[in-house]
PDB file of N, CA and C in Angstrom:
ATOM      1  N   MET A   1      -1.725  88.727 139.049  1.00  0.00           N
ATOM      2  CA  MET A   1      -2.040  89.024 137.689  1.00  0.00           C
ATOM      3  C   MET A   1      -1.231  88.082 136.800  1.00  0.00           C
ATOM      4  N   LYS A   2      -1.877  87.541 135.810  1.00  0.00           N
ATOM      5  CA  LYS A   2      -1.208  86.727 134.791  1.00  0.00           C
ATOM      6  C   LYS A   2      -1.740  87.184 133.442  1.00  0.00           C
ATOM      7  N   THR A   3      -0.849  87.504 132.546  1.00  0.00           N
ATOM      8  CA  THR A   3      -1.301  87.985 131.247  1.00  0.00           C
ATOM      9  C   THR A   3      -0.336  87.559 130.148  1.00  0.00           C
ATOM     10  N   ASP A   4      -0.894  87.319 128.982  1.00  0.00           N
ATOM     11  CA  ASP A   4      -0.115  87.045 127.775  1.00  0.00           C
ATOM     12  C   ASP A   4      -0.267  88.228 126.828  1.00  0.00           C
ATOM     13  N   LEU A   5       0.829  88.611 126.206  1.00  0.00           N
ATOM     14  CA  LEU A   5       0.851  89.751 125.286  1.00  0.00           C
ATOM     15  C   LEU A   5       1.518  89.332 123.985  1.00  0.00           C
ATOM     16  N   ALA A   6       1.426  90.182 122.987  1.00  0.00           N
ATOM     17  CA  ALA A   6       2.110  89.984 121.694  1.00  0.00           C
ATOM     18  C   ALA A   6       1.799  88.613 121.109  1.00  0.00           C
ATOM     19  N   ASP A   7       0.513  88.301 121.019  1.00  0.00           N
ATOM     20  CA  ASP A   7       0.064  87.028 120.450  1.00  0.00           C
ATOM     21  C   ASP A   7       0.658  85.818 121.174  1.00  0.00           C
ATOM     22  N   GLY A   8       0.826  85.929 122.509  1.00  0.00           N
ATOM     23  CA  GLY A   8       1.323  84.823 123.301  1.00  0.00           C
ATOM     24  C   GLY A   8       2.828  84.700 123.376  1.00  0.00           C
ATOM     25  N   ARG A   9       3.555  85.602 122.734  1.00  0.00           N
ATOM     26  CA  ARG A   9       5.016  85.529 122.768  1.00  0.00           C
ATOM     27  C   ARG A   9       5.592  86.096 124.060  1.00  0.00           C
ATOM     28  N   VAL A  10       4.803  86.886 124.787  1.00  0.00           N
ATOM     29  CA  VAL A  10       5.248  87.507 126.038  1.00  0.00           C
ATOM     30  C   VAL A  10       4.270  87.131 127.144  1.00  0.00           C
ATOM     31  N   ARG A  11       4.787  86.676 128.264  1.00  0.00           N
ATOM     32  CA  ARG A  11       3.949  86.373 129.432  1.00  0.00           C
ATOM     33  C   ARG A  11       4.483  87.169 130.614  1.00  0.00           C
ATOM     34  N   LEU A  12       3.571  87.782 131.376  1.00  0.00           N
ATOM     35  CA  LEU A  12       3.923  88.556 132.555  1.00  0.00           C
ATOM     36  C   LEU A  12       3.054  88.083 133.713  1.00  0.00           C
ATOM     37  N   ASN A  13       3.690  87.722 134.822  1.00  0.00           N
ATOM     38  CA  ASN A  13       2.999  87.319 136.046  1.00  0.00           C
ATOM     39  C   ASN A  13       3.456  88.234 137.171  1.00  0.00           C
ATOM     40  N   ALA A  14       2.518  88.688 138.009  1.00  0.00           N
ATOM     41  CA  ALA A  14       2.863  89.569 139.123  1.00  0.00           C
ATOM     42  C   ALA A  14       1.968  89.266 140.312  1.00  0.00           C
ATOM     43  N   ALA A  15       2.517  89.452 141.509  1.00  0.00           N
ATOM     44  CA  ALA A  15       1.752  89.234 142.740  1.00  0.00           C
ATOM     45  C   ALA A  15       2.226  90.222 143.797  1.00  0.00           C
ATOM     46  N   VAL A  16       1.287  90.698 144.599  1.00  0.00           N
ATOM     47  CA  VAL A  16       1.566  91.551 145.750  1.00  0.00           C
ATOM     48  C   VAL A  16       0.923  90.881 146.952  1.00  0.00           C
ATOM     49  N   PHE A  17       1.612  90.856 148.093  1.00  0.00           N
ATOM     50  CA  PHE A  17       1.041  90.219 149.270  1.00  0.00           C
ATOM     51  C   PHE A  17       1.335  91.013 150.537  1.00  0.00           C
ATOM     52  N   TRP A  18       0.426  90.866 151.520  1.00  0.00           N
ATOM     53  CA  TRP A  18       0.546  91.505 152.828  1.00  0.00           C
ATOM     54  C   TRP A  18      -0.127  90.574 153.820  1.00  0.00           C
ATOM     55  N   ASN A  19       0.625  90.016 154.743  1.00  0.00           N
ATOM     56  CA  ASN A  19       0.086  89.088 155.736  1.00  0.00           C
ATOM     57  C   ASN A  19       0.363  89.605 157.142  1.00  0.00           C
ATOM     58  N   GLU A  20      -0.647  89.592 157.979  1.00  0.00           N
ATOM     59  CA  GLU A  20      -0.524  89.905 159.405  1.00  0.00           C
ATOM     60  C   GLU A  20      -0.916  88.644 160.166  1.00  0.00           C
ATOM     61  N   ILE A  21      -0.028  88.141 161.020  1.00  0.00           N
ATOM     62  CA  ILE A  21      -0.299  86.910 161.766  1.00  0.00           C
ATOM     63  C   ILE A  21      -0.184  87.207 163.251  1.00  0.00           C
ATOM     64  N   GLU A  22      -1.221  86.852 164.013  1.00  0.00           N
ATOM     65  CA  GLU A  22      -1.199  86.996 165.462  1.00  0.00           C
ATOM     66  C   GLU A  22      -0.970  85.629 166.088  1.00  0.00           C
ATOM     67  N   ASN A  23      -0.152  85.595 167.150  1.00  0.00           N
ATOM     68  CA  ASN A  23       0.156  84.355 167.867  1.00  0.00           C
ATOM     69  C   ASN A  23       0.667  83.272 166.918  1.00  0.00           C
ATOM     70  N   MET A  24       1.657  83.633 166.139  1.00  0.00           N
ATOM     71  CA  MET A  24       2.247  82.691 165.188  1.00  0.00           C
ATOM     72  C   MET A  24       2.781  81.470 165.932  1.00  0.00           C
ATOM     73  N   GLN A  25       2.489  80.293 165.423  1.00  0.00           N
ATOM     74  CA  GLN A  25       2.963  79.061 166.041  1.00  0.00           C
ATOM     75  C   GLN A  25       4.143  78.509 165.254  1.00  0.00           C
ATOM     76  N   ARG A  26       5.134  78.016 165.985  1.00  0.00           N
ATOM     77  CA  ARG A  26       6.322  77.439 165.359  1.00  0.00           C
ATOM     78  C   ARG A  26       6.708  76.172 166.095  1.00  0.00           C
ATOM     79  N   GLU A  27       7.272  75.240 165.360  1.00  0.00           N
ATOM     80  CA  GLU A  27       7.815  74.032 165.970  1.00  0.00           C
ATOM     81  C   GLU A  27       9.225  74.311 166.435  1.00  0.00           C
ATOM     82  N   ILE A  28       9.504  73.918 167.671  1.00  0.00           N
ATOM     83  CA  ILE A  28      10.834  74.096 168.243  1.00  0.00           C
ATOM     84  C   ILE A  28      11.374  72.707 168.553  1.00  0.00           C
ATOM     85  N   ASN A  29      12.540  72.391 168.025  1.00  0.00           N
ATOM     86  CA  ASN A  29      13.188  71.104 168.282  1.00  0.00           C
ATOM     87  C   ASN A  29      14.087  71.237 169.498  1.00  0.00           C
ATOM     88  N   THR A  30      13.851  70.404 170.526  1.00  0.00           N
ATOM     89  CA  THR A  30      14.670  70.430 171.733  1.00  0.00           C
ATOM     90  C   THR A  30      15.165  69.026 172.034  1.00  0.00           C
ATOM     91  N   PRO A  31      16.386  68.911 172.545  1.00  0.00           N
ATOM     92  CA  PRO A  31      16.889  67.587 172.896  1.00  0.00           C
ATOM     93  C   PRO A  31      16.146  67.046 174.118  1.00  0.00           C
ATOM     94  N   GLY A  32      15.844  65.768 174.074  1.00  0.00           N
ATOM     95  CA  GLY A  32      15.155  65.120 175.186  1.00  0.00           C
ATOM     96  C   GLY A  32      15.807  63.787 175.512  1.00  0.00           C
ATOM     97  N   ALA A  33      15.268  63.113 176.516  1.00  0.00           N
ATOM     98  CA  ALA A  33      15.827  61.839 176.955  1.00  0.00           C
ATOM     99  C   ALA A  33      15.746  60.782 175.861  1.00  0.00           C
ATOM    100  N   LEU A  34      14.723  60.830 175.021  1.00  0.00           N
ATOM    101  CA  LEU A  34      14.532  59.830 173.971  1.00  0.00           C
ATOM    102  C   LEU A  34      14.910  60.349 172.590  1.00  0.00           C
ATOM    103  N   GLY A  35      15.629  61.435 172.537  1.00  0.00           N
ATOM    104  CA  GLY A  35      16.011  62.011 171.248  1.00  0.00           C
ATOM    105  C   GLY A  35      15.531  63.452 171.161  1.00  0.00           C
ATOM    106  N   VAL A  36      15.205  63.887 169.974  1.00  0.00           N
ATOM    107  CA  VAL A  36      14.757  65.261 169.753  1.00  0.00           C
ATOM    108  C   VAL A  36      13.235  65.322 169.895  1.00  0.00           C
ATOM    109  N   ALA A  37      12.772  66.257 170.700  1.00  0.00           N
ATOM    110  CA  ALA A  37      11.333  66.451 170.898  1.00  0.00           C
ATOM    111  C   ALA A  37      10.899  67.707 170.145  1.00  0.00           C
ATOM    112  N   GLN A  38       9.735  67.654 169.534  1.00  0.00           N
ATOM    113  CA  GLN A  38       9.186  68.822 168.858  1.00  0.00           C
ATOM    114  C   GLN A  38       8.091  69.416 169.727  1.00  0.00           C
ATOM    115  N   ILE A  39       8.224  70.700 170.005  1.00  0.00           N
ATOM    116  CA  ILE A  39       7.264  71.416 170.833  1.00  0.00           C
ATOM    117  C   ILE A  39       6.641  72.509 169.974  1.00  0.00           C
ATOM    118  N   LEU A  40       5.330  72.655 170.045  1.00  0.00           N
ATOM    119  CA  LEU A  40       4.621  73.693 169.300  1.00  0.00           C
ATOM    120  C   LEU A  40       4.317  74.837 170.255  1.00  0.00           C
ATOM    121  N   ARG A  41       4.785  76.052 169.912  1.00  0.00           N
ATOM    122  CA  ARG A  41       4.611  77.209 170.791  1.00  0.00           C
ATOM    123  C   ARG A  41       4.144  78.418 170.004  1.00  0.00           C
ATOM    124  N   ASN A  42       3.411  79.292 170.694  1.00  0.00           N
ATOM    125  CA  ASN A  42       3.119  80.617 170.142  1.00  0.00           C
ATOM    126  C   ASN A  42       4.382  81.443 170.340  1.00  0.00           C
ATOM    127  N   THR A  43       4.926  81.969 169.273  1.00  0.00           N
ATOM    128  CA  THR A  43       6.218  82.651 169.368  1.00  0.00           C
ATOM    129  C   THR A  43       6.114  84.174 169.293  1.00  0.00           C
ATOM    130  N   ALA A  44       5.274  84.696 168.435  1.00  0.00           N
ATOM    131  CA  ALA A  44       5.196  86.156 168.280  1.00  0.00           C
ATOM    132  C   ALA A  44       4.120  86.487 167.257  1.00  0.00           C
ATOM    133  N   ASN A  45       3.896  87.752 167.086  1.00  0.00           N
ATOM    134  CA  ASN A  45       3.090  88.235 165.967  1.00  0.00           C
ATOM    135  C   ASN A  45       4.054  88.493 164.811  1.00  0.00           C
ATOM    136  N   ALA A  46       3.555  88.406 163.594  1.00  0.00           N
ATOM    137  CA  ALA A  46       4.431  88.596 162.436  1.00  0.00           C
ATOM    138  C   ALA A  46       3.716  89.400 161.361  1.00  0.00           C
ATOM    139  N   ARG A  47       4.523  90.114 160.568  1.00  0.00           N
ATOM    140  CA  ARG A  47       4.010  90.833 159.409  1.00  0.00           C
ATOM    141  C   ARG A  47       4.921  90.519 158.243  1.00  0.00           C
ATOM    142  N   MET A  48       4.328  90.146 157.110  1.00  0.00           N
ATOM    143  CA  MET A  48       5.085  89.855 155.895  1.00  0.00           C
ATOM    144  C   MET A  48       4.424  90.573 154.731  1.00  0.00           C
ATOM    145  N   ARG A  49       5.207  91.270 153.960  1.00  0.00           N
ATOM    146  CA  ARG A  49       4.667  91.959 152.783  1.00  0.00           C
ATOM    147  C   ARG A  49       5.726  91.957 151.693  1.00  0.00           C
ATOM    148  N   GLY A  50       5.264  92.075 150.465  1.00  0.00           N
ATOM    149  CA  GLY A  50       6.214  92.097 149.366  1.00  0.00           C
ATOM    150  C   GLY A  50       5.543  91.938 148.021  1.00  0.00           C
ATOM    151  N   PHE A  51       6.365  91.687 147.011  1.00  0.00           N
ATOM    152  CA  PHE A  51       5.851  91.505 145.660  1.00  0.00           C
ATOM    153  C   PHE A  51       6.780  90.592 144.875  1.00  0.00           C
ATOM    154  N   GLU A  52       6.244  90.034 143.813  1.00  0.00           N
ATOM    155  CA  GLU A  52       7.013  89.210 142.875  1.00  0.00           C
ATOM    156  C   GLU A  52       6.547  89.529 141.465  1.00  0.00           C
ATOM    157  N   VAL A  53       7.485  89.610 140.545  1.00  0.00           N
ATOM    158  CA  VAL A  53       7.179  89.831 139.132  1.00  0.00           C
ATOM    159  C   VAL A  53       8.070  88.892 138.322  1.00  0.00           C
ATOM    160  N   GLU A  54       7.489  88.199 137.374  1.00  0.00           N
ATOM    161  CA  GLU A  54       8.285  87.360 136.482  1.00  0.00           C
ATOM    162  C   GLU A  54       7.751  87.503 135.069  1.00  0.00           C
ATOM    163  N   GLY A  55       8.646  87.320 134.128  1.00  0.00           N
ATOM    164  CA  GLY A  55       8.233  87.428 132.740  1.00  0.00           C
ATOM    165  C   GLY A  55       9.096  86.587 131.831  1.00  0.00           C
ATOM    166  N   ARG A  56       8.562  86.349 130.657  1.00  0.00           N
ATOM    167  CA  ARG A  56       9.319  85.652 129.621  1.00  0.00           C
ATOM    168  C   ARG A  56       8.883  86.187 128.274  1.00  0.00           C
ATOM    169  N   ALA A  57       9.815  86.194 127.359  1.00  0.00           N
ATOM    170  CA  ALA A  57       9.515  86.692 126.021  1.00  0.00           C
ATOM    171  C   ALA A  57      10.295  85.876 124.997  1.00  0.00           C
ATOM    172  N   PHE A  58       9.576  85.378 124.011  1.00  0.00           N
ATOM    173  CA  PHE A  58      10.229  84.691 122.894  1.00  0.00           C
ATOM    174  C   PHE A  58      10.706  85.759 121.917  1.00  0.00           C
ATOM    175  N   LEU A  59      12.026  85.958 121.873  1.00  0.00           N
ATOM    176  CA  LEU A  59      12.601  86.973 120.987  1.00  0.00           C
ATOM    177  C   LEU A  59      12.697  86.466 119.559  1.00  0.00           C
ATOM    178  N   SER A  60      12.872  85.165 119.427  1.00  0.00           N
ATOM    179  CA  SER A  60      12.882  84.518 118.112  1.00  0.00           C
ATOM    180  C   SER A  60      12.473  83.061 118.336  1.00  0.00           C
ATOM    181  N   GLU A  61      12.482  82.287 117.282  1.00  0.00           N
ATOM    182  CA  GLU A  61      12.095  80.879 117.396  1.00  0.00           C
ATOM    183  C   GLU A  61      13.036  80.110 118.325  1.00  0.00           C
ATOM    184  N   ASN A  62      14.305  80.541 118.416  1.00  0.00           N
ATOM    185  CA  ASN A  62      15.306  79.830 119.212  1.00  0.00           C
ATOM    186  C   ASN A  62      15.813  80.614 120.417  1.00  0.00           C
ATOM    187  N   THR A  63      15.216  81.775 120.720  1.00  0.00           N
ATOM    188  CA  THR A  63      15.715  82.610 121.800  1.00  0.00           C
ATOM    189  C   THR A  63      14.584  82.982 122.758  1.00  0.00           C
ATOM    190  N   LEU A  64      14.790  82.630 124.030  1.00  0.00           N
ATOM    191  CA  LEU A  64      13.813  82.937 125.076  1.00  0.00           C
ATOM    192  C   LEU A  64      14.492  83.777 126.141  1.00  0.00           C
ATOM    193  N   LEU A  65      13.900  84.915 126.474  1.00  0.00           N
ATOM    194  CA  LEU A  65      14.407  85.805 127.517  1.00  0.00           C
ATOM    195  C   LEU A  65      13.491  85.659 128.726  1.00  0.00           C
ATOM    196  N   THR A  66      14.063  85.352 129.896  1.00  0.00           N
ATOM    197  CA  THR A  66      13.270  85.223 131.120  1.00  0.00           C
ATOM    198  C   THR A  66      13.890  86.075 132.217  1.00  0.00           C
ATOM    199  N   GLY A  67      13.065  86.459 133.164  1.00  0.00           N
ATOM    200  CA  GLY A  67      13.558  87.217 134.305  1.00  0.00           C
ATOM    201  C   GLY A  67      12.518  87.263 135.409  1.00  0.00           C
ATOM    202  N   HIS A  68      13.010  87.457 136.615  1.00  0.00           N
ATOM    203  CA  HIS A  68      12.090  87.598 137.740  1.00  0.00           C
ATOM    204  C   HIS A  68      12.761  88.428 138.828  1.00  0.00           C
ATOM    205  N   VAL A  69      11.906  89.081 139.621  1.00  0.00           N
ATOM    206  CA  VAL A  69      12.380  89.875 140.745  1.00  0.00           C
ATOM    207  C   VAL A  69      11.352  89.745 141.859  1.00  0.00           C
ATOM    208  N   GLY A  70      11.830  89.755 143.083  1.00  0.00           N
ATOM    209  CA  GLY A  70      10.937  89.672 144.224  1.00  0.00           C
ATOM    210  C   GLY A  70      11.491  90.478 145.380  1.00  0.00           C
ATOM    211  N   TYR A  71      10.608  90.901 146.267  1.00  0.00           N
ATOM    212  CA  TYR A  71      11.001  91.661 147.441  1.00  0.00           C
ATOM    213  C   TYR A  71      10.126  91.209 148.604  1.00  0.00           C
ATOM    214  N   VAL A  72      10.744  90.919 149.750  1.00  0.00           N
ATOM    215  CA  VAL A  72      10.009  90.525 150.944  1.00  0.00           C
ATOM    216  C   VAL A  72      10.508  91.368 152.117  1.00  0.00           C
ATOM    217  N   ASP A  73       9.567  91.939 152.863  1.00  0.00           N
ATOM    218  CA  ASP A  73       9.863  92.668 154.089  1.00  0.00           C
ATOM    219  C   ASP A  73       9.078  91.970 155.183  1.00  0.00           C
ATOM    220  N   ALA A  74       9.768  91.291 156.105  1.00  0.00           N
ATOM    221  CA  ALA A  74       9.089  90.529 157.141  1.00  0.00           C
ATOM    222  C   ALA A  74       9.709  90.816 158.487  1.00  0.00           C
ATOM    223  N   GLU A  75       8.877  90.766 159.532  1.00  0.00           N
ATOM    224  CA  GLU A  75       9.398  90.981 160.878  1.00  0.00           C
ATOM    225  C   GLU A  75       8.501  90.311 161.917  1.00  0.00           C
ATOM    226  N   TYR A  76       9.141  89.912 163.014  1.00  0.00           N
ATOM    227  CA  TYR A  76       8.392  89.440 164.172  1.00  0.00           C
ATOM    228  C   TYR A  76       8.097  90.629 165.064  1.00  0.00           C
ATOM    229  N   ARG A  77       6.915  90.626 165.662  1.00  0.00           N
ATOM    230  CA  ARG A  77       6.543  91.710 166.588  1.00  0.00           C
ATOM    231  C   ARG A  77       6.129  91.087 167.919  1.00  0.00           C
ATOM    232  N   GLN A  78       6.534  91.698 168.982  1.00  0.00           N
ATOM    233  CA  GLN A  78       6.149  91.207 170.316  1.00  0.00           C
ATOM    234  C   GLN A  78       4.872  91.859 170.789  1.00  0.00           C
TER     235      GLN A  78
END
């Protein structure tokens, strides 16, 4: 959601997300004979969820108030 309020003096942005990933792939760096080798592997299933909210408000011609908050809950599942 993105919205402007108070004749454009206030802006509020918000997002909610929920992701489920099966057979998540990750690059793994391992030492090898010729240096570092990158291997791509299926590592696990994953779940990520959370939200973000940010806002700004012009309190006067020379004063701007901003703030943001976010929360993420993520885990790997076997």
